[in-house]
Amino acid sequence: MSNQRILLDPTAESEPADRARLARPESLDGLRVGLLDISKPRGDVFLNRVEELLTGLGVTISRYKKPTFTRVAPVDLLQQISAECDVVVEGLAD
């Protein structure tokens, strides 16, 4: 048996896309913040705390959840978030 290891890229991208980062808002005043739970264990615990802190600052929150963490978010969910929110926090946990 060989000790050789093969590393596979799960993104299936032969060349990663070069994407410029969007500018962050100077303030969350008047903005709607989306909280996206990717369905990993305890992600909701993290996002519940983020929501509590932001709501305490007067920020308007919308909550969303992916059906499963093993796949990318469905296009219709991404479009909904994009239409309804100004900024998004995606919760990862374990």
Protein backbone atom coordinates (compact mmCIF):
# COMPACT_ATOMS: atom_id res chain seq x y z
CA MET A 1 0.00 0.00 0.00
CA SER A 2 1.29 3.44 -0.94
CA ASN A 3 1.58 6.40 1.43
CA GLN A 4 0.72 8.74 -1.41
CA ARG A 5 -2.15 11.17 -0.72
CA ILE A 6 -4.35 12.85 -3.27
CA LEU A 7 -5.85 16.24 -2.43
CA LEU A 8 -9.07 17.13 -4.24
CA ASP A 9 -10.49 20.63 -4.58
CA PRO A 10 -14.19 20.43 -3.60
CA THR A 11 -15.03 23.64 -5.48
CA ALA A 12 -14.32 22.09 -8.89
CA GLU A 13 -12.74 25.38 -9.96
CA SER A 14 -9.67 25.07 -12.13
CA GLU A 15 -9.02 28.79 -11.50
CA PRO A 16 -10.63 30.50 -8.51
CA ALA A 17 -12.67 33.57 -9.40
CA ASP A 18 -11.07 36.86 -8.45
CA ARG A 19 -13.74 38.88 -6.66
CA ALA A 20 -13.25 42.36 -5.25
CA ARG A 21 -14.50 42.85 -1.71
CA LEU A 22 -17.50 45.11 -1.28
CA ALA A 23 -17.08 48.19 0.86
CA ARG A 24 -18.42 47.79 4.39
CA PRO A 25 -21.02 50.30 5.53
CA GLU A 26 -19.77 52.93 7.96
CA SER A 27 -22.79 52.27 10.17
CA LEU A 28 -25.68 49.81 10.48
CA ASP A 29 -28.12 52.65 11.22
CA GLY A 30 -31.17 52.26 8.99
CA LEU A 31 -29.89 49.05 7.40
CA ARG A 32 -31.49 45.61 7.52
CA VAL A 33 -29.06 42.88 8.59
CA GLY A 34 -29.68 39.32 7.43
CA LEU A 35 -28.50 36.45 9.62
CA LEU A 36 -27.94 33.27 7.60
CA ASP A 37 -27.78 29.99 9.52
CA ILE A 38 -26.02 27.43 7.33
CA SER A 39 -27.54 24.58 9.39
CA LYS A 40 -24.40 23.44 11.17
CA PRO A 41 -24.79 22.39 14.80
CA ARG A 42 -24.89 25.35 17.22
CA GLY A 43 -24.88 27.93 14.42
CA ASP A 44 -28.23 29.10 15.75
CA VAL A 45 -26.68 29.67 19.18
CA PHE A 46 -24.09 32.01 17.66
CA LEU A 47 -26.66 33.84 15.53
CA ASN A 48 -29.09 34.17 18.44
CA ARG A 49 -26.39 36.06 20.34
CA VAL A 50 -25.52 38.21 17.31
CA GLU A 51 -29.22 39.03 16.92
CA GLU A 52 -29.50 39.91 20.60
CA LEU A 53 -26.53 42.28 20.40
CA LEU A 54 -27.62 43.95 17.16
CA THR A 55 -31.25 44.28 18.21
CA GLY A 56 -30.00 45.96 21.38
CA LEU A 57 -28.34 48.56 19.14
CA GLY A 58 -31.62 49.14 17.29
CA VAL A 59 -30.65 47.22 14.14
CA THR A 60 -33.42 45.56 12.11
CA ILE A 61 -32.79 41.81 11.69
CA SER A 62 -34.09 39.17 9.27
CA ARG A 63 -33.30 35.48 9.84
CA TYR A 64 -32.69 32.85 7.15
CA LYS A 65 -31.61 29.21 7.16
CA LYS A 66 -30.08 26.96 4.53
CA PRO A 67 -31.71 23.53 4.20
CA THR A 68 -28.34 21.82 4.76
CA PHE A 69 -24.72 22.83 5.30
CA THR A 70 -23.53 20.23 2.79
CA ARG A 71 -24.68 22.23 -0.23
CA VAL A 72 -24.59 25.83 -1.37
CA ALA A 73 -27.61 27.94 -0.52
CA PRO A 74 -30.46 27.64 -3.03
CA VAL A 75 -30.56 30.45 -5.59
CA ASP A 76 -34.06 31.51 -4.53
CA LEU A 77 -32.87 31.90 -0.91
CA LEU A 78 -29.87 33.98 -2.01
CA GLN A 79 -32.10 36.17 -4.16
CA GLN A 80 -34.53 36.67 -1.27
CA ILE A 81 -31.71 37.67 1.08
CA SER A 82 -30.26 40.02 -1.53
CA ALA A 83 -33.63 41.69 -2.08
CA GLU A 84 -34.47 42.05 1.61
CA CYS A 85 -31.13 42.86 3.29
CA ASP A 86 -28.36 45.42 3.11
CA VAL A 87 -25.71 43.29 4.84
CA VAL A 88 -25.49 39.63 5.88
CA VAL A 89 -23.80 37.71 8.68
CA GLU A 90 -23.34 34.02 7.88
CA GLY A 91 -23.13 31.83 10.96
CA LEU A 92 -20.67 28.93 11.00
CA ALA A 93 -20.33 26.71 14.04
CA ASP A 94 -19.68 23.22 15.37
